[in-house]
PDB file of N, CA and C in Angstrom:
ATOM      1  N   MET A   1     -15.751  -6.250 -13.620  1.00  0.00           N
ATOM      2  CA  MET A   1     -15.318  -5.120 -12.843  1.00  0.00           C
ATOM      3  C   MET A   1     -14.694  -5.602 -11.528  1.00  0.00           C
ATOM      4  N   LYS A   2     -15.358  -6.525 -10.888  1.00  0.00           N
ATOM      5  CA  LYS A   2     -14.872  -7.054  -9.613  1.00  0.00           C
ATOM      6  C   LYS A   2     -13.514  -7.739  -9.786  1.00  0.00           C
ATOM      7  N   ASN A   3     -13.369  -8.528 -10.844  1.00  0.00           N
ATOM      8  CA  ASN A   3     -12.098  -9.216 -11.086  1.00  0.00           C
ATOM      9  C   ASN A   3     -10.973  -8.227 -11.369  1.00  0.00           C
ATOM     10  N   ARG A   4     -11.276  -7.190 -12.131  1.00  0.00           N
ATOM     11  CA  ARG A   4     -10.258  -6.174 -12.422  1.00  0.00           C
ATOM     12  C   ARG A   4      -9.831  -5.479 -11.130  1.00  0.00           C
ATOM     13  N   PHE A   5     -10.788  -5.121 -10.296  1.00  0.00           N
ATOM     14  CA  PHE A   5     -10.439  -4.482  -9.029  1.00  0.00           C
ATOM     15  C   PHE A   5      -9.582  -5.422  -8.182  1.00  0.00           C
ATOM     16  N   ASN A   6      -9.985  -6.678  -8.095  1.00  0.00           N
ATOM     17  CA  ASN A   6      -9.200  -7.647  -7.313  1.00  0.00           C
ATOM     18  C   ASN A   6      -7.767  -7.737  -7.828  1.00  0.00           C
ATOM     19  N   TRP A   7      -7.605  -7.749  -9.142  1.00  0.00           N
ATOM     20  CA  TRP A   7      -6.269  -7.821  -9.731  1.00  0.00           C
ATOM     21  C   TRP A   7      -5.448  -6.584  -9.370  1.00  0.00           C
ATOM     22  N   ILE A   8      -6.054  -5.412  -9.505  1.00  0.00           N
ATOM     23  CA  ILE A   8      -5.351  -4.161  -9.188  1.00  0.00           C
ATOM     24  C   ILE A   8      -4.958  -4.132  -7.716  1.00  0.00           C
ATOM     25  N   PHE A   9      -5.903  -4.459  -6.838  1.00  0.00           N
ATOM     26  CA  PHE A   9      -5.593  -4.386  -5.409  1.00  0.00           C
ATOM     27  C   PHE A   9      -4.537  -5.417  -5.033  1.00  0.00           C
ATOM     28  N   GLU A  10      -4.597  -6.596  -5.615  1.00  0.00           N
ATOM     29  CA  GLU A  10      -3.587  -7.623  -5.333  1.00  0.00           C
ATOM     30  C   GLU A  10      -2.206  -7.150  -5.780  1.00  0.00           C
ATOM     31  N   MET A  11      -2.129  -6.509  -6.928  1.00  0.00           N
ATOM     32  CA  MET A  11      -0.858  -5.978  -7.417  1.00  0.00           C
ATOM     33  C   MET A  11      -0.314  -4.926  -6.448  1.00  0.00           C
ATOM     34  N   LEU A  12      -1.166  -4.026  -5.988  1.00  0.00           N
ATOM     35  CA  LEU A  12      -0.737  -2.985  -5.058  1.00  0.00           C
ATOM     36  C   LEU A  12      -0.319  -3.586  -3.717  1.00  0.00           C
ATOM     37  N   ARG A  13      -1.126  -4.499  -3.215  1.00  0.00           N
ATOM     38  CA  ARG A  13      -0.845  -5.126  -1.919  1.00  0.00           C
ATOM     39  C   ARG A  13       0.474  -5.886  -1.959  1.00  0.00           C
ATOM     40  N   SER A  14       0.650  -6.701  -2.986  1.00  0.00           N
ATOM     41  CA  SER A  14       1.872  -7.497  -3.056  1.00  0.00           C
ATOM     42  C   SER A  14       3.092  -6.610  -3.298  1.00  0.00           C
ATOM     43  N   GLY A  15       2.921  -5.502  -3.984  1.00  0.00           N
ATOM     44  CA  GLY A  15       4.021  -4.557  -4.166  1.00  0.00           C
ATOM     45  C   GLY A  15       4.505  -4.003  -2.844  1.00  0.00           C
ATOM     46  N   PHE A  16       3.560  -3.661  -1.969  1.00  0.00           N
ATOM     47  CA  PHE A  16       3.956  -3.163  -0.649  1.00  0.00           C
ATOM     48  C   PHE A  16       4.599  -4.271   0.171  1.00  0.00           C
ATOM     49  N   TYR A  17       3.996  -5.446   0.187  1.00  0.00           N
ATOM     50  CA  TYR A  17       4.549  -6.551   0.980  1.00  0.00           C
ATOM     51  C   TYR A  17       5.965  -6.900   0.528  1.00  0.00           C
ATOM     52  N   ASN A  18       6.210  -6.872  -0.784  1.00  0.00           N
ATOM     53  CA  ASN A  18       7.556  -7.158  -1.290  1.00  0.00           C
ATOM     54  C   ASN A  18       8.559  -6.118  -0.804  1.00  0.00           C
ATOM     55  N   ALA A  19       8.196  -4.851  -0.889  1.00  0.00           N
ATOM     56  CA  ALA A  19       9.105  -3.790  -0.438  1.00  0.00           C
ATOM     57  C   ALA A  19       9.371  -3.907   1.056  1.00  0.00           C
ATOM     58  N   ALA A  20       8.328  -4.177   1.838  1.00  0.00           N
ATOM     59  CA  ALA A  20       8.489  -4.288   3.291  1.00  0.00           C
ATOM     60  C   ALA A  20       9.342  -5.492   3.666  1.00  0.00           C
ATOM     61  N   SER A  21       9.151  -6.615   2.989  1.00  0.00           N
ATOM     62  CA  SER A  21       9.928  -7.808   3.344  1.00  0.00           C
ATOM     63  C   SER A  21      11.382  -7.663   2.911  1.00  0.00           C
ATOM     64  N   GLN A  22      11.637  -6.966   1.815  1.00  0.00           N
ATOM     65  CA  GLN A  22      13.019  -6.728   1.403  1.00  0.00           C
ATOM     66  C   GLN A  22      13.734  -5.852   2.419  1.00  0.00           C
ATOM     67  N   HIS A  23      13.022  -4.887   2.978  1.00  0.00           N
ATOM     68  CA  HIS A  23      13.635  -4.047   4.010  1.00  0.00           C
ATOM     69  C   HIS A  23      13.940  -4.875   5.254  1.00  0.00           C
ATOM     70  N   ALA A  24      13.012  -5.729   5.645  1.00  0.00           N
ATOM     71  CA  ALA A  24      13.188  -6.535   6.860  1.00  0.00           C
ATOM     72  C   ALA A  24      14.401  -7.451   6.745  1.00  0.00           C
ATOM     73  N   ARG A  25      14.706  -7.925   5.540  1.00  0.00           N
ATOM     74  CA  ARG A  25      15.839  -8.831   5.342  1.00  0.00           C
ATOM     75  C   ARG A  25      17.124  -8.099   4.988  1.00  0.00           C
ATOM     76  N   GLY A  26      17.050  -6.772   4.833  1.00  0.00           N
ATOM     77  CA  GLY A  26      18.161  -6.003   4.282  1.00  0.00           C
ATOM     78  C   GLY A  26      19.418  -5.956   5.128  1.00  0.00           C
ATOM     79  N   ILE A  27      20.516  -5.827   4.422  1.00  0.00           N
ATOM     80  CA  ILE A  27      21.819  -5.709   5.066  1.00  0.00           C
ATOM     81  C   ILE A  27      22.188  -4.234   5.215  1.00  0.00           C
ATOM     82  N   ASN A  28      21.819  -3.408   4.247  1.00  0.00           N
ATOM     83  CA  ASN A  28      22.131  -1.984   4.277  1.00  0.00           C
ATOM     84  C   ASN A  28      20.835  -1.204   4.494  1.00  0.00           C
ATOM     85  N   PRO A  29      20.509  -0.858   5.738  1.00  0.00           N
ATOM     86  CA  PRO A  29      19.229  -0.206   6.023  1.00  0.00           C
ATOM     87  C   PRO A  29      19.021   1.103   5.267  1.00  0.00           C
ATOM     88  N   ARG A  30      20.086   1.874   5.050  1.00  0.00           N
ATOM     89  CA  ARG A  30      19.931   3.136   4.318  1.00  0.00           C
ATOM     90  C   ARG A  30      19.486   2.883   2.878  1.00  0.00           C
ATOM     91  N   ALA A  31      20.138   1.967   2.202  1.00  0.00           N
ATOM     92  CA  ALA A  31      19.767   1.648   0.825  1.00  0.00           C
ATOM     93  C   ALA A  31      18.373   1.042   0.788  1.00  0.00           C
ATOM     94  N   ASP A  32      18.087   0.174   1.745  1.00  0.00           N
ATOM     95  CA  ASP A  32      16.766  -0.443   1.791  1.00  0.00           C
ATOM     96  C   ASP A  32      15.686   0.600   2.044  1.00  0.00           C
ATOM     97  N   ARG A  33      15.997   1.560   2.895  1.00  0.00           N
ATOM     98  CA  ARG A  33      15.039   2.624   3.193  1.00  0.00           C
ATOM     99  C   ARG A  33      14.713   3.408   1.918  1.00  0.00           C
ATOM    100  N   ALA A  34      15.742   3.731   1.141  1.00  0.00           N
ATOM    101  CA  ALA A  34      15.526   4.454  -0.116  1.00  0.00           C
ATOM    102  C   ALA A  34      14.708   3.601  -1.085  1.00  0.00           C
ATOM    103  N   HIS A  35      14.991   2.306  -1.119  1.00  0.00           N
ATOM    104  CA  HIS A  35      14.232   1.393  -1.982  1.00  0.00           C
ATOM    105  C   HIS A  35      12.763   1.363  -1.556  1.00  0.00           C
ATOM    106  N   VAL A  36      12.528   1.253  -0.261  1.00  0.00           N
ATOM    107  CA  VAL A  36      11.148   1.219   0.245  1.00  0.00           C
ATOM    108  C   VAL A  36      10.441   2.521  -0.105  1.00  0.00           C
ATOM    109  N   ARG A  37      11.101   3.647   0.101  1.00  0.00           N
ATOM    110  CA  ARG A  37      10.487   4.946  -0.200  1.00  0.00           C
ATOM    111  C   ARG A  37      10.097   5.025  -1.679  1.00  0.00           C
ATOM    112  N   ARG A  38      11.004   4.655  -2.565  1.00  0.00           N
ATOM    113  CA  ARG A  38      10.688   4.699  -4.007  1.00  0.00           C
ATOM    114  C   ARG A  38       9.543   3.750  -4.349  1.00  0.00           C
ATOM    115  N   ALA A  39       9.569   2.568  -3.775  1.00  0.00           N
ATOM    116  CA  ALA A  39       8.505   1.590  -4.048  1.00  0.00           C
ATOM    117  C   ALA A  39       7.160   2.112  -3.561  1.00  0.00           C
ATOM    118  N   VAL A  40       7.134   2.658  -2.352  1.00  0.00           N
ATOM    119  CA  VAL A  40       5.876   3.162  -1.786  1.00  0.00           C
ATOM    120  C   VAL A  40       5.383   4.370  -2.579  1.00  0.00           C
ATOM    121  N   GLU A  41       6.280   5.260  -2.972  1.00  0.00           N
ATOM    122  CA  GLU A  41       5.872   6.406  -3.796  1.00  0.00           C
ATOM    123  C   GLU A  41       5.241   5.929  -5.108  1.00  0.00           C
ATOM    124  N   GLY A  42       5.818   4.903  -5.719  1.00  0.00           N
ATOM    125  CA  GLY A  42       5.255   4.351  -6.949  1.00  0.00           C
ATOM    126  C   GLY A  42       3.890   3.719  -6.732  1.00  0.00           C
ATOM    127  N   LEU A  43       3.732   3.031  -5.605  1.00  0.00           N
ATOM    128  CA  LEU A  43       2.446   2.396  -5.302  1.00  0.00           C
ATOM    129  C   LEU A  43       1.363   3.439  -5.038  1.00  0.00           C
ATOM    130  N   VAL A  44       1.723   4.522  -4.358  1.00  0.00           N
ATOM    131  CA  VAL A  44       0.757   5.599  -4.117  1.00  0.00           C
ATOM    132  C   VAL A  44       0.318   6.197  -5.452  1.00  0.00           C
ATOM    133  N   ALA A  45       1.273   6.483  -6.318  1.00  0.00           N
ATOM    134  CA  ALA A  45       0.941   7.054  -7.629  1.00  0.00           C
ATOM    135  C   ALA A  45       0.056   6.098  -8.429  1.00  0.00           C
ATOM    136  N   ASN A  46       0.366   4.823  -8.383  1.00  0.00           N
ATOM    137  CA  ASN A  46      -0.420   3.821  -9.105  1.00  0.00           C
ATOM    138  C   ASN A  46      -1.847   3.774  -8.564  1.00  0.00           C
ATOM    139  N   ALA A  47      -1.987   3.722  -7.246  1.00  0.00           N
ATOM    140  CA  ALA A  47      -3.327   3.664  -6.645  1.00  0.00           C
ATOM    141  C   ALA A  47      -4.118   4.927  -6.971  1.00  0.00           C
ATOM    142  N   ARG A  48      -3.477   6.080  -6.829  1.00  0.00           N
ATOM    143  CA  ARG A  48      -4.168   7.349  -7.107  1.00  0.00           C
ATOM    144  C   ARG A  48      -4.602   7.435  -8.574  1.00  0.00           C
ATOM    145  N   SER A  49      -3.785   6.910  -9.475  1.00  0.00           N
ATOM    146  CA  SER A  49      -4.122   6.997 -10.899  1.00  0.00           C
ATOM    147  C   SER A  49      -5.287   6.084 -11.269  1.00  0.00           C
ATOM    148  N   ARG A  50      -5.568   5.106 -10.449  1.00  0.00           N
ATOM    149  CA  ARG A  50      -6.633   4.142 -10.759  1.00  0.00           C
ATOM    150  C   ARG A  50      -7.963   4.463 -10.073  1.00  0.00           C
ATOM    151  N   VAL A  51      -7.980   5.505  -9.265  1.00  0.00           N
ATOM    152  CA  VAL A  51      -9.172   5.811  -8.477  1.00  0.00           C
ATOM    153  C   VAL A  51     -10.408   6.008  -9.343  1.00  0.00           C
ATOM    154  N   SER A  52     -10.271   6.606 -10.492  1.00  0.00           N
ATOM    155  CA  SER A  52     -11.455   6.891 -11.315  1.00  0.00           C
ATOM    156  C   SER A  52     -11.767   5.796 -12.335  1.00  0.00           C
ATOM    157  N   GLU A  53     -11.125   4.643 -12.243  1.00  0.00           N
ATOM    158  CA  GLU A  53     -11.355   3.565 -13.212  1.00  0.00           C
ATOM    159  C   GLU A  53     -12.688   2.847 -13.010  1.00  0.00           C
ATOM    160  N   PHE A  54     -13.336   3.071 -11.893  1.00  0.00           N
ATOM    161  CA  PHE A  54     -14.560   2.331 -11.579  1.00  0.00           C
ATOM    162  C   PHE A  54     -15.711   3.301 -11.309  1.00  0.00           C
ATOM    163  N   PRO A  55     -16.192   3.994 -12.344  1.00  0.00           N
ATOM    164  CA  PRO A  55     -17.240   4.999 -12.122  1.00  0.00           C
ATOM    165  C   PRO A  55     -18.551   4.409 -11.588  1.00  0.00           C
ATOM    166  N   ASP A  56     -18.814   3.150 -11.871  1.00  0.00           N
ATOM    167  CA  ASP A  56     -20.054   2.528 -11.401  1.00  0.00           C
ATOM    168  C   ASP A  56     -19.899   1.865 -10.040  1.00  0.00           C
ATOM    169  N   GLU A  57     -18.704   1.869  -9.506  1.00  0.00           N
ATOM    170  CA  GLU A  57     -18.417   1.215  -8.225  1.00  0.00           C
ATOM    171  C   GLU A  57     -17.645   2.174  -7.318  1.00  0.00           C
ATOM    172  N   PRO A  58     -18.327   3.156  -6.725  1.00  0.00           N
ATOM    173  CA  PRO A  58     -17.617   4.158  -5.919  1.00  0.00           C
ATOM    174  C   PRO A  58     -16.880   3.568  -4.716  1.00  0.00           C
ATOM    175  N   GLN A  59     -17.326   2.428  -4.232  1.00  0.00           N
ATOM    176  CA  GLN A  59     -16.636   1.816  -3.092  1.00  0.00           C
ATOM    177  C   GLN A  59     -15.232   1.363  -3.477  1.00  0.00           C
ATOM    178  N   TYR A  60     -15.026   0.988  -4.736  1.00  0.00           N
ATOM    179  CA  TYR A  60     -13.680   0.617  -5.180  1.00  0.00           C
ATOM    180  C   TYR A  60     -12.753   1.826  -5.091  1.00  0.00           C
ATOM    181  N   ASP A  61     -13.280   2.988  -5.493  1.00  0.00           N
ATOM    182  CA  ASP A  61     -12.492   4.216  -5.372  1.00  0.00           C
ATOM    183  C   ASP A  61     -12.128   4.481  -3.918  1.00  0.00           C
ATOM    184  N   LEU A  62     -13.061   4.239  -3.021  1.00  0.00           N
ATOM    185  CA  LEU A  62     -12.786   4.447  -1.590  1.00  0.00           C
ATOM    186  C   LEU A  62     -11.697   3.505  -1.095  1.00  0.00           C
ATOM    187  N   PHE A  63     -11.729   2.266  -1.533  1.00  0.00           N
ATOM    188  CA  PHE A  63     -10.706   1.304  -1.113  1.00  0.00           C
ATOM    189  C   PHE A  63      -9.331   1.714  -1.645  1.00  0.00           C
ATOM    190  N   LEU A  64      -9.264   2.117  -2.909  1.00  0.00           N
ATOM    191  CA  LEU A  64      -7.984   2.538  -3.486  1.00  0.00           C
ATOM    192  C   LEU A  64      -7.470   3.810  -2.808  1.00  0.00           C
ATOM    193  N   THR A  65      -8.379   4.728  -2.515  1.00  0.00           N
ATOM    194  CA  THR A  65      -7.990   5.952  -1.816  1.00  0.00           C
ATOM    195  C   THR A  65      -7.500   5.629  -0.411  1.00  0.00           C
ATOM    196  N   GLY A  66      -8.185   4.720   0.274  1.00  0.00           N
ATOM    197  CA  GLY A  66      -7.751   4.311   1.615  1.00  0.00           C
ATOM    198  C   GLY A  66      -6.366   3.699   1.600  1.00  0.00           C
ATOM    199  N   TYR A  67      -6.102   2.874   0.607  1.00  0.00           N
ATOM    200  CA  TYR A  67      -4.782   2.257   0.457  1.00  0.00           C
ATOM    201  C   TYR A  67      -3.722   3.340   0.258  1.00  0.00           C
ATOM    202  N   ALA A  68      -3.995   4.270  -0.653  1.00  0.00           N
ATOM    203  CA  ALA A  68      -3.040   5.349  -0.926  1.00  0.00           C
ATOM    204  C   ALA A  68      -2.798   6.191   0.323  1.00  0.00           C
ATOM    205  N   GLU A  69      -3.839   6.454   1.092  1.00  0.00           N
ATOM    206  CA  GLU A  69      -3.687   7.266   2.306  1.00  0.00           C
ATOM    207  C   GLU A  69      -2.842   6.558   3.361  1.00  0.00           C
ATOM    208  N   ILE A  70      -2.988   5.255   3.484  1.00  0.00           N
ATOM    209  CA  ILE A  70      -2.150   4.491   4.420  1.00  0.00           C
ATOM    210  C   ILE A  70      -0.682   4.658   4.039  1.00  0.00           C
ATOM    211  N   LEU A  71      -0.385   4.526   2.762  1.00  0.00           N
ATOM    212  CA  LEU A  71       1.004   4.620   2.314  1.00  0.00           C
ATOM    213  C   LEU A  71       1.529   6.053   2.352  1.00  0.00           C
ATOM    214  N   GLU A  72       0.670   7.034   2.107  1.00  0.00           N
ATOM    215  CA  GLU A  72       1.106   8.428   2.216  1.00  0.00           C
ATOM    216  C   GLU A  72       1.469   8.768   3.659  1.00  0.00           C
ATOM    217  N   GLU A  73       0.696   8.255   4.595  1.00  0.00           N
ATOM    218  CA  GLU A  73       1.017   8.457   6.010  1.00  0.00           C
ATOM    219  C   GLU A  73       2.345   7.787   6.353  1.00  0.00           C
ATOM    220  N   LEU A  74       2.564   6.597   5.813  1.00  0.00           N
ATOM    221  CA  LEU A  74       3.835   5.904   6.019  1.00  0.00           C
ATOM    222  C   LEU A  74       4.997   6.759   5.510  1.00  0.00           C
ATOM    223  N   LEU A  75       4.860   7.333   4.326  1.00  0.00           N
ATOM    224  CA  LEU A  75       5.925   8.175   3.772  1.00  0.00           C
ATOM    225  C   LEU A  75       6.212   9.380   4.666  1.00  0.00           C
ATOM    226  N   ARG A  76       5.163  10.018   5.173  1.00  0.00           N
ATOM    227  CA  ARG A  76       5.363  11.166   6.072  1.00  0.00           C
ATOM    228  C   ARG A  76       6.096  10.744   7.340  1.00  0.00           C
ATOM    229  N   ASP A  77       5.677   9.619   7.915  1.00  0.00           N
ATOM    230  CA  ASP A  77       6.287   9.149   9.160  1.00  0.00           C
ATOM    231  C   ASP A  77       7.727   8.680   8.955  1.00  0.00           C
ATOM    232  N   MET A  78       8.026   8.142   7.787  1.00  0.00           N
ATOM    233  CA  MET A  78       9.380   7.653   7.505  1.00  0.00           C
ATOM    234  C   MET A  78      10.408   8.780   7.550  1.00  0.00           C
ATOM    235  N   ALA A  79       9.992   9.985   7.234  1.00  0.00           N
ATOM    236  CA  ALA A  79      10.923  11.116   7.200  1.00  0.00           C
ATOM    237  C   ALA A  79      11.498  11.416   8.582  1.00  0.00           C
ATOM    238  N   ASP A  80      10.764  11.079   9.632  1.00  0.00           N
ATOM    239  CA  ASP A  80      11.173  11.411  11.000  1.00  0.00           C
ATOM    240  C   ASP A  80      11.790  10.253  11.763  1.00  0.00           C
ATOM    241  N   ARG A  81      11.907   9.098  11.148  1.00  0.00           N
ATOM    242  CA  ARG A  81      12.347   7.913  11.892  1.00  0.00           C
ATOM    243  C   ARG A  81      13.562   7.267  11.252  1.00  0.00           C
ATOM    244  N   ASP A  82      14.462   6.786  12.099  1.00  0.00           N
ATOM    245  CA  ASP A  82      15.591   6.008  11.595  1.00  0.00           C
ATOM    246  C   ASP A  82      15.189   4.554  11.391  1.00  0.00           C
ATOM    247  N   ASP A  83      14.461   4.007  12.360  1.00  0.00           N
ATOM    248  CA  ASP A  83      14.006   2.616  12.278  1.00  0.00           C
ATOM    249  C   ASP A  83      12.592   2.604  11.707  1.00  0.00           C
ATOM    250  N   ILE A  84      12.475   2.211  10.451  1.00  0.00           N
ATOM    251  CA  ILE A  84      11.151   2.251   9.812  1.00  0.00           C
ATOM    252  C   ILE A  84      10.407   0.926   9.898  1.00  0.00           C
ATOM    253  N   GLN A  85      11.034  -0.112  10.425  1.00  0.00           N
ATOM    254  CA  GLN A  85      10.363  -1.413  10.469  1.00  0.00           C
ATOM    255  C   GLN A  85       9.040  -1.365  11.240  1.00  0.00           C
ATOM    256  N   PRO A  86       8.970  -0.701  12.413  1.00  0.00           N
ATOM    257  CA  PRO A  86       7.665  -0.612  13.085  1.00  0.00           C
ATOM    258  C   PRO A  86       6.611   0.104  12.238  1.00  0.00           C
ATOM    259  N   LEU A  87       7.036   1.084  11.468  1.00  0.00           N
ATOM    260  CA  LEU A  87       6.098   1.784  10.586  1.00  0.00           C
ATOM    261  C   LEU A  87       5.592   0.861   9.483  1.00  0.00           C
ATOM    262  N   LEU A  88       6.497   0.056   8.931  1.00  0.00           N
ATOM    263  CA  LEU A  88       6.100  -0.907   7.897  1.00  0.00           C
ATOM    264  C   LEU A  88       5.134  -1.939   8.466  1.00  0.00           C
ATOM    265  N   ASP A  89       5.417  -2.399   9.682  1.00  0.00           N
ATOM    266  CA  ASP A  89       4.537  -3.382  10.322  1.00  0.00           C
ATOM    267  C   ASP A  89       3.148  -2.800  10.555  1.00  0.00           C
ATOM    268  N   ASP A  90       3.092  -1.545  11.006  1.00  0.00           N
ATOM    269  CA  ASP A  90       1.805  -0.896  11.241  1.00  0.00           C
ATOM    270  C   ASP A  90       1.040  -0.713   9.930  1.00  0.00           C
ATOM    271  N   ALA A  91       1.725  -0.273   8.891  1.00  0.00           N
ATOM    272  CA  ALA A  91       1.065  -0.102   7.589  1.00  0.00           C
ATOM    273  C   ALA A  91       0.528  -1.440   7.081  1.00  0.00           C
ATOM    274  N   LYS A  92       1.300  -2.500   7.291  1.00  0.00           N
ATOM    275  CA  LYS A  92       0.858  -3.830   6.857  1.00  0.00           C
ATOM    276  C   LYS A  92      -0.423  -4.235   7.590  1.00  0.00           C
ATOM    277  N   LYS A  93      -0.492  -3.988   8.895  1.00  0.00           N
ATOM    278  CA  LYS A  93      -1.708  -4.304   9.664  1.00  0.00           C
ATOM    279  C   LYS A  93      -2.900  -3.516   9.138  1.00  0.00           C
ATOM    280  N   ARG A  94      -2.681  -2.257   8.822  1.00  0.00           N
ATOM    281  CA  ARG A  94      -3.773  -1.423   8.318  1.00  0.00           C
ATOM    282  C   ARG A  94      -4.228  -1.888   6.935  1.00  0.00           C
ATOM    283  N   ILE A  95      -3.291  -2.328   6.109  1.00  0.00           N
ATOM    284  CA  ILE A  95      -3.654  -2.839   4.783  1.00  0.00           C
ATOM    285  C   ILE A  95      -4.428  -4.148   4.923  1.00  0.00           C
ATOM    286  N   ILE A  96      -4.033  -4.996   5.863  1.00  0.00           N
ATOM    287  CA  ILE A  96      -4.768  -6.245   6.110  1.00  0.00           C
ATOM    288  C   ILE A  96      -6.196  -5.932   6.547  1.00  0.00           C
ATOM    289  N   ALA A  97      -6.375  -4.939   7.414  1.00  0.00           N
ATOM    290  CA  ALA A  97      -7.722  -4.545   7.842  1.00  0.00           C
ATOM    291  C   ALA A  97      -8.534  -4.040   6.645  1.00  0.00           C
ATOM    292  N   LEU A  98      -7.894  -3.290   5.766  1.00  0.00           N
ATOM    293  CA  LEU A  98      -8.573  -2.812   4.562  1.00  0.00           C
ATOM    294  C   LEU A  98      -8.957  -3.989   3.666  1.00  0.00           C
ATOM    295  N   GLU A  99      -8.065  -4.963   3.549  1.00  0.00           N
ATOM    296  CA  GLU A  99      -8.372  -6.175   2.775  1.00  0.00           C
ATOM    297  C   GLU A  99      -9.594  -6.891   3.346  1.00  0.00           C
ATOM    298  N   ASP A 100      -9.677  -6.969   4.662  1.00  0.00           N
ATOM    299  CA  ASP A 100     -10.834  -7.608   5.298  1.00  0.00           C
ATOM    300  C   ASP A 100     -12.119  -6.877   4.929  1.00  0.00           C
ATOM    301  N   ASP A 101     -12.081  -5.546   4.948  1.00  0.00           N
ATOM    302  CA  ASP A 101     -13.252  -4.762   4.549  1.00  0.00           C
ATOM    303  C   ASP A 101     -13.623  -5.040   3.093  1.00  0.00           C
ATOM    304  N   ILE A 102     -12.629  -5.151   2.250  1.00  0.00           N
ATOM    305  CA  ILE A 102     -12.878  -5.417   0.829  1.00  0.00           C
ATOM    306  C   ILE A 102     -13.509  -6.794   0.660  1.00  0.00           C
ATOM    307  N   ARG A 103     -12.969  -7.790   1.353  1.00  0.00           N
ATOM    308  CA  ARG A 103     -13.533  -9.148   1.246  1.00  0.00           C
ATOM    309  C   ARG A 103     -14.995  -9.171   1.675  1.00  0.00           C
ATOM    310  N   ILE A 104     -15.305  -8.485   2.752  1.00  0.00           N
ATOM    311  CA  ILE A 104     -16.695  -8.430   3.229  1.00  0.00           C
ATOM    312  C   ILE A 104     -17.574  -7.780   2.165  1.00  0.00           C
ATOM    313  N   HIS A 105     -17.097  -6.710   1.587  1.00  0.00           N
ATOM    314  CA  HIS A 105     -17.888  -5.984   0.601  1.00  0.00           C
ATOM    315  C   HIS A 105     -18.073  -6.777  -0.694  1.00  0.00           C
ATOM    316  N   LEU A 106     -17.056  -7.504  -1.109  1.00  0.00           N
ATOM    317  CA  LEU A 106     -17.111  -8.184  -2.403  1.00  0.00           C
ATOM    318  C   LEU A 106     -17.804  -9.540  -2.356  1.00  0.00           C
ATOM    319  N   LYS A 107     -18.231  -9.973  -1.201  1.00  0.00           N
ATOM    320  CA  LYS A 107     -18.921 -11.275  -1.110  1.00  0.00           C
ATOM    321  C   LYS A 107     -20.192 -11.274  -1.890  1.00  0.00           C
TER     322      LYS A 107
END
């Protein structure tokens, strides 16, 4: 169960990091913004769909829900901003903090 959760969270985490780094290196910010939005929407859907996969480990559901909520907030904030890089940086910091909580819990 622990290994499966680690695999799922790593997939979600790296998906966000890839989208954020592609935006940071992008030449066309509008196209990159649309790419980031689609990627983040997909990651939220993926995380939300996996919340009930661990009925014996409710803390895993909390971690997946927390991840989805960070990205949902990012999507809401992106609608009002032209420069989304600070938002991506903030979301990344929050995901790192969530990862730290997960590492502490899974020891």
